[in-house]
């Protein structure tokens, strides 16, 4: 296999929303990357704190562009905005509470250059507050169609081999432009119906169906704050819990197959019964999220048809990912 000797271009894409406590550390780490950064795109989703004052200081960098939204259009919509502002070979989707090791960009791009069939890569994400624990080494999905961060809370010395994974977490995801262009639906890489949460899993599933692999590269290190997401369910606002809950069903409607689901019907229905019982007894307001699902049902079905028209890999070949 021949690897191109021309240096690929990369842009870094960050969406901020009340990110004042983290954005400076994030941007300093980008500035100090060993691999050249062609562009830095920051989209602010109408922060109410001093985030804008902080990021405006970074305008002094020629490569940095800032877009300020008047309303919060969500993770998916804002990142789609930023992706459309660039034409680089690679796009690094980065959370503002992530600090990259100086070689993170270099190592993930090298991994993708070595694997032309792969369209996304992630490194080893560690908890910023406790780097002895893993935050994520990629995405995994089980037979109940629940997605998790692979290796979460395991010791950091594990997962030392580069390997293929189901997908990459949106906290620090390196994507090939070629894949972005190929798997986008209606001009959207991240599905804007999701607003936020599980949009990275949806991308991973869609990419697998269209023949793109995902790579975990252990020599690429990053540190993730994670914040309130690590708290209990009650620490999360209702709208966040609703998004996380209903986006799983949106993702399944778009990407899953009846044959595949029937093969896993026992663990799937077991989880569904437990989930429904919990929601009725403990969080009945969660069920209001179904309004969003039914309101978007026709659009989701249309997206499913487009995905199926582009599908290259039979659903049965993806069975290995449902653990």
Protein backbone atom coordinates (compact mmCIF):
# COMPACT_ATOMS: atom_id res chain seq x y z
CA UNK A 1 0.00 0.00 0.00
CA UNK A 2 1.37 3.40 -0.96
CA UNK A 3 0.87 6.35 1.37
CA UNK A 4 0.67 9.81 -0.10
CA UNK A 5 3.70 11.99 0.59
CA UNK A 6 1.72 15.21 0.31
CA UNK A 7 0.74 16.57 3.71
CA UNK A 8 -3.04 16.33 4.17
CA UNK A 9 -4.88 19.39 5.44
CA UNK A 10 -6.91 19.34 8.65
CA UNK A 11 -9.41 21.68 10.24
CA UNK A 12 -10.52 21.68 13.87
CA UNK A 13 -14.21 22.26 14.62
CA UNK A 14 -15.44 23.35 18.05
CA UNK A 15 -18.95 24.22 19.17
CA UNK A 16 -19.14 26.26 22.35
CA UNK A 17 -22.03 26.86 24.72
CA UNK A 18 -21.17 28.35 28.11
CA UNK A 19 -17.68 26.89 27.75
CA UNK A 20 -15.65 29.64 29.42
CA UNK A 21 -14.05 27.26 31.96
CA UNK A 22 -12.51 25.05 29.28
CA UNK A 23 -12.08 26.77 25.94
CA UNK A 24 -8.68 28.38 26.56
CA UNK A 25 -7.03 25.08 27.53
CA UNK A 26 -8.62 23.44 24.51
CA UNK A 27 -7.35 26.09 22.10
CA UNK A 28 -3.83 26.20 23.56
CA UNK A 29 -3.57 22.45 22.97
CA UNK A 30 -4.66 22.92 19.35
CA UNK A 31 -2.13 25.70 18.85
CA UNK A 32 0.63 23.39 20.11
CA UNK A 33 -0.19 20.42 17.85
CA UNK A 34 2.81 18.85 16.12
CA UNK A 35 0.75 18.52 12.92
CA UNK A 36 -0.06 21.78 11.08
CA UNK A 37 -3.67 22.95 11.53
CA UNK A 38 -5.08 24.53 8.39
CA UNK A 39 -8.17 26.08 10.00
CA UNK A 40 -9.85 26.39 13.39
CA UNK A 41 -13.60 26.95 13.25
CA UNK A 42 -15.41 27.93 16.44
CA UNK A 43 -19.21 28.13 16.41
CA UNK A 44 -20.77 29.63 19.52
CA UNK A 45 -24.37 28.64 20.23
CA UNK A 46 -25.40 31.85 22.01
CA UNK A 47 -23.35 31.38 25.18
CA UNK A 48 -24.62 33.29 28.21
CA UNK A 49 -21.28 33.39 30.04
CA UNK A 50 -17.94 34.94 29.01
CA UNK A 51 -17.11 32.33 26.37
CA UNK A 52 -17.32 34.84 23.51
CA UNK A 53 -14.92 37.24 25.21
CA UNK A 54 -12.41 34.42 25.57
CA UNK A 55 -12.61 33.07 22.03
CA UNK A 56 -12.48 36.54 20.44
CA UNK A 57 -8.91 36.78 21.72
CA UNK A 58 -8.03 33.92 19.40
CA UNK A 59 -8.96 35.92 16.29
CA UNK A 60 -5.31 36.95 16.19
CA UNK A 61 -4.58 33.55 14.69
CA UNK A 62 -4.98 33.77 10.91
CA UNK A 63 -6.37 30.25 10.82
CA UNK A 64 -9.13 30.89 13.38
CA UNK A 65 -12.68 31.78 12.31
CA UNK A 66 -15.54 32.44 14.72
CA UNK A 67 -19.24 32.15 13.96
CA UNK A 68 -21.76 33.44 16.51
CA UNK A 69 -25.28 32.01 16.42
CA UNK A 70 -28.11 34.09 17.85
CA UNK A 71 -29.82 30.96 19.16
CA UNK A 72 -28.61 27.55 20.29
CA UNK A 73 -29.08 25.32 17.24
CA UNK A 74 -27.52 22.28 18.91
CA UNK A 75 -24.35 20.25 18.52
CA UNK A 76 -25.40 18.73 15.21
CA UNK A 77 -26.51 21.91 13.46
CA UNK A 78 -23.55 23.97 14.63
CA UNK A 79 -21.02 21.36 13.58
CA UNK A 80 -22.68 21.06 10.17
CA UNK A 81 -22.28 24.82 9.84
CA UNK A 82 -18.58 24.61 10.62
CA UNK A 83 -17.93 21.63 8.36
CA UNK A 84 -19.46 23.49 5.43
CA UNK A 85 -17.02 26.38 6.07
CA UNK A 86 -13.98 24.21 5.22
CA UNK A 87 -12.70 21.98 2.44
CA UNK A 88 -9.82 20.28 4.28
CA UNK A 89 -8.92 16.62 3.81
CA UNK A 90 -9.72 15.92 7.47
CA UNK A 91 -12.07 17.42 10.05
CA UNK A 92 -11.43 17.03 13.77
CA UNK A 93 -14.70 17.41 15.69
CA UNK A 94 -13.65 18.51 19.16
CA UNK A 95 -15.49 19.26 22.39
CA UNK A 96 -14.37 22.45 24.13
CA UNK A 97 -13.72 20.49 27.35
CA UNK A 98 -11.10 18.26 25.68
CA UNK A 99 -7.36 18.89 25.84
CA UNK A 100 -5.30 17.14 23.18
CA UNK A 101 -1.82 15.72 23.56
CA UNK A 102 0.50 17.46 21.08
CA UNK A 103 0.51 14.47 18.69
CA UNK A 104 -3.22 13.69 18.72
CA UNK A 105 -3.93 15.16 15.29
CA UNK A 106 -0.78 13.63 13.78
CA UNK A 107 -1.45 10.14 15.14
CA UNK A 108 -5.12 9.97 14.13
CA UNK A 109 -4.39 11.22 10.61
CA UNK A 110 -1.54 8.71 10.26
CA UNK A 111 -3.92 5.93 11.32
CA UNK A 112 -6.41 6.95 8.63
CA UNK A 113 -3.72 7.33 5.98
CA UNK A 114 -2.63 3.75 6.73
CA UNK A 115 -6.22 2.53 6.44
CA UNK A 116 -7.86 3.88 3.27
CA UNK A 117 -11.05 1.93 3.99
CA UNK A 118 -11.46 3.79 7.29
CA UNK A 119 -13.27 7.13 7.46
CA UNK A 120 -12.94 8.00 11.15
CA UNK A 121 -10.43 7.65 13.96
CA UNK A 122 -10.22 8.31 17.67
CA UNK A 123 -7.46 8.14 20.22
CA UNK A 124 -7.43 7.12 23.86
CA UNK A 125 -9.54 9.65 25.78
CA UNK A 126 -8.74 9.83 29.49
CA UNK A 127 -10.60 11.62 32.25
CA UNK A 128 -8.98 15.01 32.72
CA UNK A 129 -9.67 14.88 36.46
CA UNK A 130 -8.20 11.37 36.76
CA UNK A 131 -5.97 10.34 33.82
CA UNK A 132 -5.53 6.89 35.34
CA UNK A 133 -9.06 6.10 34.06
CA UNK A 134 -10.28 5.79 30.49
CA UNK A 135 -13.11 7.99 29.27
CA UNK A 136 -13.42 6.36 25.83
CA UNK A 137 -11.52 4.25 23.31
CA UNK A 138 -14.30 4.28 20.74
CA UNK A 139 -18.00 3.53 20.57
CA UNK A 140 -19.60 0.16 21.17
CA UNK A 141 -23.24 -0.91 20.81
CA UNK A 142 -25.11 -3.83 22.35
CA UNK A 143 -27.96 -6.06 21.22
CA UNK A 144 -30.49 -3.76 22.88
CA UNK A 145 -29.18 -0.94 20.64
CA UNK A 146 -27.65 0.94 23.55
CA UNK A 147 -24.37 2.68 22.79
CA UNK A 148 -21.48 3.09 25.23
CA UNK A 149 -17.98 4.49 25.41
CA UNK A 150 -15.67 1.51 25.11
CA UNK A 151 -13.40 1.05 28.13
CA UNK A 152 -15.05 3.78 30.23
CA UNK A 153 -13.62 3.85 33.79
CA UNK A 154 -11.14 1.07 33.06
CA UNK A 155 -7.42 1.58 33.87
CA UNK A 156 -5.60 3.79 31.36
CA UNK A 157 -2.91 1.19 30.66
CA UNK A 158 -5.45 -1.04 28.87
CA UNK A 159 -6.36 -0.94 25.15
CA UNK A 160 -2.80 -0.66 23.87
CA UNK A 161 -3.42 -2.08 20.38
CA UNK A 162 -4.68 -0.16 17.38
CA UNK A 163 -7.88 -1.80 16.18
CA UNK A 164 -11.15 -1.38 14.37
CA UNK A 165 -14.11 -0.13 16.43
CA UNK A 166 -17.81 0.40 15.75
CA UNK A 167 -17.40 4.18 15.75
CA UNK A 168 -15.71 7.18 17.32
CA UNK A 169 -17.04 9.51 20.03
CA UNK A 170 -17.85 13.05 18.98
CA UNK A 171 -15.69 14.48 21.77
CA UNK A 172 -12.50 14.12 19.69
CA UNK A 173 -13.39 12.54 16.34
CA UNK A 174 -11.18 12.72 13.27
CA UNK A 175 -13.21 12.29 10.07
CA UNK A 176 -12.11 12.00 6.45
CA UNK A 177 -13.69 14.59 4.19
CA UNK A 178 -14.34 11.88 1.61
CA UNK A 179 -16.48 10.00 4.10
CA UNK A 180 -18.24 13.15 5.29
CA UNK A 181 -19.29 13.95 1.74
CA UNK A 182 -20.34 10.40 0.92
CA UNK A 183 -22.51 9.62 3.94
CA UNK A 184 -24.15 13.02 4.43
CA UNK A 185 -27.93 13.02 3.98
CA UNK A 186 -29.61 16.15 2.62
CA UNK A 187 -26.35 18.01 3.13
CA UNK A 188 -26.20 17.05 6.83
CA UNK A 189 -23.32 15.02 8.21
CA UNK A 190 -24.75 15.06 11.73
CA UNK A 191 -28.51 14.61 11.70
CA UNK A 192 -29.95 17.91 12.90
CA UNK A 193 -33.14 16.20 14.05
CA UNK A 194 -30.99 14.86 16.90
CA UNK A 195 -30.01 18.38 18.10
CA UNK A 196 -27.48 16.72 20.43
CA UNK A 197 -26.68 13.29 21.93
CA UNK A 198 -26.16 10.05 19.99
CA UNK A 199 -25.52 11.94 16.74
CA UNK A 200 -22.01 10.42 16.76
CA UNK A 201 -23.46 6.92 17.14
CA UNK A 202 -25.86 7.61 14.27
CA UNK A 203 -22.92 8.69 12.09
CA UNK A 204 -20.97 5.58 13.09
CA UNK A 205 -23.85 3.24 12.18
CA UNK A 206 -24.53 5.02 8.89
CA UNK A 207 -20.83 4.94 8.00
CA UNK A 208 -20.64 1.19 8.68
CA UNK A 209 -23.64 0.58 6.41
CA UNK A 210 -21.94 2.56 3.64
CA UNK A 211 -18.69 0.63 3.92
CA UNK A 212 -16.55 2.95 6.06
CA UNK A 213 -14.57 1.57 8.99
CA UNK A 214 -13.53 3.31 12.22
CA UNK A 215 -10.09 3.07 13.83
CA UNK A 216 -8.89 3.34 17.42
CA UNK A 217 -5.30 4.62 17.69
CA UNK A 218 -3.89 4.22 21.25
CA UNK A 219 -0.89 6.52 20.74
CA UNK A 220 -3.23 9.50 20.26
CA UNK A 221 -4.04 10.77 23.76
CA UNK A 222 -6.60 13.35 24.89
CA UNK A 223 -8.09 14.43 28.21
CA UNK A 224 -11.84 14.92 28.60
CA UNK A 225 -13.48 16.90 31.39
CA UNK A 226 -16.90 15.26 30.81
CA UNK A 227 -18.46 17.36 33.61
CA UNK A 228 -22.10 16.93 34.60
CA UNK A 229 -22.56 14.08 32.16
CA UNK A 230 -20.84 11.86 34.74
CA UNK A 231 -23.44 12.72 37.39
CA UNK A 232 -26.64 10.79 38.12
CA UNK A 233 -29.70 11.03 35.90
CA UNK A 234 -31.26 13.72 38.10
CA UNK A 235 -28.25 15.98 37.48
CA UNK A 236 -29.20 16.16 33.80
CA UNK A 237 -31.90 18.61 32.64
CA UNK A 238 -35.15 17.05 31.39
CA UNK A 239 -34.55 18.17 27.78
CA UNK A 240 -31.17 16.39 27.82
CA UNK A 241 -32.68 13.18 29.18
CA UNK A 242 -35.41 13.37 26.54
CA UNK A 243 -32.91 13.84 23.72
CA UNK A 244 -30.75 10.95 24.88
CA UNK A 245 -33.84 8.75 25.23
CA UNK A 246 -35.61 9.46 21.93
CA UNK A 247 -32.54 9.80 19.70
CA UNK A 248 -31.88 6.09 20.21
CA UNK A 249 -35.18 5.30 18.51
CA UNK A 250 -34.55 7.81 15.72
CA UNK A 251 -31.17 6.18 15.12
CA UNK A 252 -32.73 2.72 14.98
CA UNK A 253 -35.48 3.76 12.56
CA UNK A 254 -32.89 5.19 10.19
CA UNK A 255 -30.21 2.49 10.35
CA UNK A 256 -31.47 -0.80 11.76
CA UNK A 257 -32.95 -3.75 9.88
CA UNK A 258 -35.88 -5.95 10.86
CA UNK A 259 -33.84 -9.12 10.30
CA UNK A 260 -31.02 -7.87 12.51
CA UNK A 261 -33.40 -6.74 15.24
CA UNK A 262 -35.24 -10.08 15.24
CA UNK A 263 -31.96 -11.88 15.87
CA UNK A 264 -31.58 -9.85 19.07
CA UNK A 265 -35.26 -9.69 19.99
CA UNK A 266 -34.90 -11.15 23.51
CA UNK A 267 -32.29 -8.68 24.87
CA UNK A 268 -33.99 -5.87 22.96
CA UNK A 269 -37.47 -6.50 24.36
CA UNK A 270 -36.09 -7.15 27.83
CA UNK A 271 -34.47 -3.74 27.86
CA UNK A 272 -37.56 -2.08 26.33
CA UNK A 273 -39.82 -3.49 29.04
CA UNK A 274 -37.48 -2.38 31.80
CA UNK A 275 -37.01 1.04 30.23
CA UNK A 276 -40.75 1.60 29.75
CA UNK A 277 -41.51 0.49 33.30
CA UNK A 278 -38.88 2.81 34.71
CA UNK A 279 -40.12 5.73 32.63
CA UNK A 280 -43.75 5.26 33.68
CA UNK A 281 -42.94 4.85 37.37
CA UNK A 282 -39.98 7.19 37.85
CA UNK A 283 -39.76 9.62 34.90
CA UNK A 284 -43.15 9.92 33.17
CA UNK A 285 -42.17 13.30 31.69
CA UNK A 286 -39.54 11.47 29.65
CA UNK A 287 -42.28 9.96 27.49
CA UNK A 288 -43.14 13.39 26.13
CA UNK A 289 -40.10 12.93 23.86
CA UNK A 290 -42.23 10.66 21.65
CA UNK A 291 -43.92 13.78 20.25
CA UNK A 292 -40.60 14.64 18.60
CA UNK A 293 -40.34 11.13 17.14
CA UNK A 294 -43.82 11.09 15.60
CA UNK A 295 -43.56 14.67 14.36
CA UNK A 296 -40.38 13.71 12.49
CA UNK A 297 -41.47 10.20 11.50
CA UNK A 298 -41.98 10.92 7.78
CA UNK A 299 -38.62 12.72 7.55
CA UNK A 300 -36.85 9.90 9.38
CA UNK A 301 -38.37 7.35 6.98
CA UNK A 302 -37.20 9.43 4.02
CA UNK A 303 -33.68 9.50 5.45
CA UNK A 304 -33.82 5.75 5.96
CA UNK A 305 -34.66 5.30 2.28
CA UNK A 306 -31.66 7.42 1.28
CA UNK A 307 -29.35 5.45 3.57
CA UNK A 308 -30.60 2.17 2.13
CA UNK A 309 -30.04 3.47 -1.41
CA UNK A 310 -26.37 4.11 -0.49
CA UNK A 311 -25.90 0.97 1.60
CA UNK A 312 -22.91 -1.15 0.56
CA UNK A 313 -22.57 -3.56 3.48
CA UNK A 314 -25.38 -6.05 4.23
CA UNK A 315 -26.80 -5.58 7.72
CA UNK A 316 -25.86 -9.18 8.58
CA UNK A 317 -22.19 -8.27 8.26
CA UNK A 318 -22.60 -5.70 11.04
CA UNK A 319 -23.82 -8.33 13.52
CA UNK A 320 -20.31 -8.51 15.03
CA UNK A 321 -20.72 -5.05 16.56
CA UNK A 322 -23.84 -5.87 18.58
CA UNK A 323 -22.32 -7.30 21.74
